[in-house]
């Protein structure tokens, strides 16, 4: 068994699909039913004894400053490339912290802290089994090892979520390939997950940690936000009226 010692929260993105709410508030700091999304992540990490937390910031970075005072052990890492590169740049700037770490997106809401329990048997991703169709990234698994990943989704597979665990060896390997892709190849428009999933799949033997869809919610649109918090319904009405006009 391995044990996660630290966490990296990716929070540098613009969150354009939640505009206009995110015009003055970074998406991870948007309040859903009164609670900032990133607080659900940090509190779940604390519930599991993980207090060494790095938050990668870029867009509206000053808004995150208060977190360092609110949470002991939390530090911000600035991503100066966030506006011109994909999220590979966020993990690249945090690459010294990857070993024995949990990597998460900051725009998720965690309802079950157990999905972040620090003990794990194999590096890999949290995933939910899907019987029907999903257009999210879908994993095929054999003998507890991820054998392939579909970017376009599919049916009857494990839907990948933006929560992953990396032991010391795999974390150092991921760090090395981040440097190869970002520095040597200037391959800066890919997701960081592409490295293990598509660029160097033979160099990783990743597994999954099964969870339920109710354990965590990823909010990708204003409509999804309104389903959870109706106080944002005014923005959906505005979008509909504009489209109709």
Protein backbone atom coordinates (compact mmCIF):
# COMPACT_ATOMS: atom_id res chain seq x y z
CA UNK A 1 0.00 0.00 0.00
CA UNK A 2 1.09 3.54 -0.77
CA UNK A 3 0.04 6.67 1.06
CA UNK A 4 -0.59 10.13 -0.35
CA UNK A 5 1.32 12.78 1.57
CA UNK A 6 0.24 15.90 -0.29
CA UNK A 7 -2.30 17.22 -2.78
CA UNK A 8 -2.17 19.44 -5.85
CA UNK A 9 -5.34 21.33 -6.73
CA UNK A 10 -5.51 22.68 -10.28
CA UNK A 11 -7.23 26.07 -10.16
CA UNK A 12 -5.61 28.23 -12.85
CA UNK A 13 -8.26 28.04 -15.59
CA UNK A 14 -10.56 30.81 -16.81
CA UNK A 15 -13.81 28.85 -16.40
CA UNK A 16 -15.34 30.40 -19.50
CA UNK A 17 -18.35 28.06 -19.54
CA UNK A 18 -19.54 29.59 -16.27
CA UNK A 19 -19.38 33.17 -17.44
CA UNK A 20 -20.58 35.74 -16.48
CA UNK A 21 -20.23 34.33 -12.93
CA UNK A 22 -16.53 33.69 -13.49
CA UNK A 23 -15.77 37.10 -14.93
CA UNK A 24 -14.85 38.31 -11.44
CA UNK A 25 -14.66 35.05 -9.49
CA UNK A 26 -12.39 32.09 -10.36
CA UNK A 27 -14.48 28.96 -10.90
CA UNK A 28 -13.09 27.05 -7.87
CA UNK A 29 -14.14 29.97 -5.65
CA UNK A 30 -17.71 30.08 -6.94
CA UNK A 31 -20.12 29.41 -4.08
CA UNK A 32 -22.56 26.56 -4.54
CA UNK A 33 -25.30 26.64 -1.93
CA UNK A 34 -23.11 29.00 0.05
CA UNK A 35 -19.90 26.96 -0.02
CA UNK A 36 -16.96 27.55 -2.35
CA UNK A 37 -16.22 24.51 -4.48
CA UNK A 38 -12.57 24.43 -3.48
CA UNK A 39 -13.52 24.37 0.22
CA UNK A 40 -15.24 21.00 -0.24
CA UNK A 41 -11.98 19.64 -1.64
CA UNK A 42 -9.73 21.10 1.04
CA UNK A 43 -12.03 19.99 3.85
CA UNK A 44 -12.17 16.46 2.41
CA UNK A 45 -8.37 16.39 2.24
CA UNK A 46 -8.15 17.57 5.85
CA UNK A 47 -10.63 14.87 6.89
CA UNK A 48 -8.11 12.39 5.51
CA UNK A 49 -5.13 13.94 7.30
CA UNK A 50 -3.68 15.68 4.22
CA UNK A 51 -2.73 19.27 5.02
CA UNK A 52 0.20 19.79 2.63
CA UNK A 53 -1.80 21.28 -0.22
CA UNK A 54 -0.63 23.18 -3.29
CA UNK A 55 -3.12 25.23 -5.28
CA UNK A 56 -2.02 26.12 -8.80
CA UNK A 57 -3.43 29.54 -9.71
CA UNK A 58 -3.41 31.77 -12.77
CA UNK A 59 -6.67 33.49 -13.74
CA UNK A 60 -7.64 36.07 -11.07
CA UNK A 61 -4.83 34.66 -8.93
CA UNK A 62 -5.14 37.36 -6.25
CA UNK A 63 -8.57 36.02 -5.30
CA UNK A 64 -6.93 32.88 -3.91
CA UNK A 65 -4.58 34.72 -1.53
CA UNK A 66 -6.89 34.36 1.47
CA UNK A 67 -6.65 30.56 1.29
CA UNK A 68 -3.09 30.66 2.63
CA UNK A 69 -4.37 32.36 5.78
CA UNK A 70 -7.47 30.22 6.08
CA UNK A 71 -5.72 26.85 5.82
CA UNK A 72 -2.43 25.95 7.49
CA UNK A 73 -0.12 24.05 5.17
CA UNK A 74 -1.67 25.42 2.00
CA UNK A 75 0.54 27.22 -0.53
CA UNK A 76 -0.16 28.81 -3.90
CA UNK A 77 1.86 28.04 -7.03
CA UNK A 78 1.49 30.52 -9.87
CA UNK A 79 1.07 29.30 -13.43
CA UNK A 80 2.22 32.13 -15.75
CA UNK A 81 1.27 30.08 -18.83
CA UNK A 82 -2.42 29.52 -18.01
CA UNK A 83 -3.81 31.87 -20.69
CA UNK A 84 -1.83 30.43 -23.59
CA UNK A 85 -1.39 26.74 -22.70
CA UNK A 86 -3.60 23.82 -21.75
CA UNK A 87 -3.58 22.38 -18.24
CA UNK A 88 -0.29 20.57 -18.83
CA UNK A 89 1.21 23.91 -17.84
CA UNK A 90 -0.42 23.82 -14.39
CA UNK A 91 1.02 20.45 -13.49
CA UNK A 92 4.33 21.41 -15.04
CA UNK A 93 4.77 24.32 -12.60
CA UNK A 94 3.83 21.99 -9.71
CA UNK A 95 5.97 19.07 -10.93
CA UNK A 96 8.25 19.05 -7.87
CA UNK A 97 5.26 18.07 -5.71
CA UNK A 98 3.83 15.17 -7.73
CA UNK A 99 5.34 12.17 -5.92
CA UNK A 100 3.07 10.54 -3.35
CA UNK A 101 0.36 13.02 -4.24
CA UNK A 102 -3.31 13.37 -5.07
CA UNK A 103 -3.99 15.58 -8.09
CA UNK A 104 -7.44 17.15 -8.36
CA UNK A 105 -9.27 19.83 -10.33
CA UNK A 106 -10.42 22.71 -8.16
CA UNK A 107 -13.83 23.08 -9.79
CA UNK A 108 -15.39 19.96 -8.29
CA UNK A 109 -17.70 19.47 -5.33
CA UNK A 110 -16.85 16.55 -3.06
CA UNK A 111 -19.70 15.01 -1.09
CA UNK A 112 -17.90 11.91 0.18
CA UNK A 113 -14.48 12.52 1.74
CA UNK A 114 -13.71 8.79 1.63
CA UNK A 115 -12.87 9.05 -2.08
CA UNK A 116 -9.73 10.94 -1.00
CA UNK A 117 -8.55 8.44 1.59
CA UNK A 118 -4.74 8.56 1.37
CA UNK A 119 -4.01 4.82 1.17
CA UNK A 120 -3.90 3.34 -2.33
CA UNK A 121 -2.59 0.18 -3.96
CA UNK A 122 -1.71 1.54 -7.39
CA UNK A 123 -1.30 4.91 -9.07
CA UNK A 124 -4.36 5.80 -11.08
CA UNK A 125 -7.70 7.54 -11.30
CA UNK A 126 -10.96 7.62 -9.43
CA UNK A 127 -13.66 6.33 -11.75
CA UNK A 128 -17.37 5.54 -11.89
CA UNK A 129 -18.79 2.55 -13.75
CA UNK A 130 -21.14 3.59 -16.58
CA UNK A 131 -23.65 1.14 -18.05
CA UNK A 132 -25.18 3.60 -20.49
CA UNK A 133 -23.55 6.16 -22.75
CA UNK A 134 -21.19 8.95 -21.68
CA UNK A 135 -19.26 11.43 -23.78
CA UNK A 136 -16.66 11.81 -21.02
CA UNK A 137 -13.29 10.04 -21.08
CA UNK A 138 -13.98 6.33 -20.69
CA UNK A 139 -11.48 3.76 -19.42
CA UNK A 140 -11.19 0.08 -20.27
CA UNK A 141 -9.78 -2.01 -17.43
CA UNK A 142 -8.41 -5.56 -17.39
CA UNK A 143 -6.95 -7.32 -14.35
CA UNK A 144 -7.26 -4.03 -12.44
CA UNK A 145 -5.03 -2.21 -14.97
CA UNK A 146 -6.21 0.54 -17.32
CA UNK A 147 -5.69 -0.80 -20.83
CA UNK A 148 -7.09 2.06 -22.91
CA UNK A 149 -8.90 5.37 -22.77
CA UNK A 150 -11.48 6.82 -25.14
CA UNK A 151 -11.60 10.62 -25.38
CA UNK A 152 -15.03 10.49 -27.00
CA UNK A 153 -16.69 8.29 -24.39
CA UNK A 154 -18.76 5.21 -25.09
CA UNK A 155 -20.76 2.65 -23.14
CA UNK A 156 -20.03 0.05 -20.47
CA UNK A 157 -16.82 1.35 -19.04
CA UNK A 158 -15.22 3.37 -16.26
CA UNK A 159 -15.69 7.12 -16.54
CA UNK A 160 -12.52 8.97 -15.57
CA UNK A 161 -12.80 11.71 -12.96
CA UNK A 162 -10.28 14.44 -12.21
CA UNK A 163 -8.98 12.80 -9.04
CA UNK A 164 -5.78 10.77 -9.32
CA UNK A 165 -3.18 9.22 -7.03
CA UNK A 166 0.55 8.96 -7.79
CA UNK A 167 3.14 7.01 -5.84
CA UNK A 168 6.79 8.04 -5.69
CA UNK A 169 7.97 6.09 -8.74
CA UNK A 170 5.07 7.02 -11.00
CA UNK A 171 5.15 10.61 -9.78
CA UNK A 172 8.81 10.97 -10.73
CA UNK A 173 8.11 9.33 -14.09
CA UNK A 174 5.22 11.73 -14.69
CA UNK A 175 7.46 14.67 -13.74
CA UNK A 176 10.09 13.54 -16.26
CA UNK A 177 7.61 13.29 -19.11
CA UNK A 178 6.06 16.63 -18.21
CA UNK A 179 9.47 18.18 -18.73
CA UNK A 180 10.01 16.28 -21.98
CA UNK A 181 6.67 17.39 -23.44
CA UNK A 182 6.56 20.94 -22.09
CA UNK A 183 10.23 21.90 -22.39
CA UNK A 184 11.79 19.75 -25.09
CA UNK A 185 8.83 19.25 -27.43
CA UNK A 186 6.96 22.47 -26.59
CA UNK A 187 3.82 20.32 -26.55
CA UNK A 188 1.77 22.77 -24.51
CA UNK A 189 -1.77 22.36 -25.82
CA UNK A 190 -2.47 18.93 -24.34
CA UNK A 191 -4.06 17.87 -21.09
CA UNK A 192 -1.55 16.67 -18.53
CA UNK A 193 -3.53 13.41 -18.36
CA UNK A 194 -2.54 12.80 -21.99
CA UNK A 195 0.97 11.94 -20.87
CA UNK A 196 0.08 8.68 -19.14
CA UNK A 197 -3.09 7.96 -21.12
CA UNK A 198 -1.88 8.59 -24.68
CA UNK A 199 1.75 9.75 -24.94
CA UNK A 200 3.50 7.10 -22.81
CA UNK A 201 0.88 4.50 -21.84
CA UNK A 202 3.41 1.64 -21.87
CA UNK A 203 5.45 3.36 -19.17
CA UNK A 204 2.59 3.44 -16.69
CA UNK A 205 0.43 0.68 -15.23
CA UNK A 206 -2.40 2.67 -13.75
CA UNK A 207 -5.44 1.36 -11.94
CA UNK A 208 -8.77 2.77 -10.87
CA UNK A 209 -10.42 3.56 -7.56
CA UNK A 210 -14.11 2.84 -7.88
CA UNK A 211 -16.58 5.37 -6.50
CA UNK A 212 -20.20 6.41 -6.96
CA UNK A 213 -21.38 9.28 -9.15
CA UNK A 214 -22.99 10.83 -6.05
CA UNK A 215 -19.59 11.11 -4.32
CA UNK A 216 -18.43 14.03 -6.44
CA UNK A 217 -19.87 16.46 -8.95
CA UNK A 218 -18.03 18.17 -11.79
CA UNK A 219 -19.81 21.32 -12.94
CA UNK A 220 -19.13 21.99 -16.62
CA UNK A 221 -21.92 24.40 -17.55
CA UNK A 222 -24.24 27.04 -16.16
CA UNK A 223 -27.16 24.65 -16.60
CA UNK A 224 -25.43 22.07 -14.39
CA UNK A 225 -24.73 24.75 -11.79
CA UNK A 226 -28.38 25.80 -11.72
CA UNK A 227 -29.49 22.21 -11.14
CA UNK A 228 -27.54 22.25 -7.88
CA UNK A 229 -28.03 25.89 -6.87
CA UNK A 230 -31.11 27.62 -8.26
CA UNK A 231 -29.84 31.05 -7.20
CA UNK A 232 -27.91 31.12 -10.49
CA UNK A 233 -31.01 30.58 -12.63
CA UNK A 234 -31.02 34.24 -13.70
CA UNK A 235 -27.90 33.59 -15.78
CA UNK A 236 -29.46 30.66 -17.62
CA UNK A 237 -32.53 32.76 -18.45
CA UNK A 238 -30.24 35.45 -19.80
CA UNK A 239 -28.47 32.98 -22.07
CA UNK A 240 -31.78 31.57 -23.36
CA UNK A 241 -33.19 35.05 -24.05
CA UNK A 242 -30.05 36.11 -25.89
CA UNK A 243 -30.10 32.98 -28.08
CA UNK A 244 -33.78 33.43 -28.87
CA UNK A 245 -33.23 37.07 -29.82
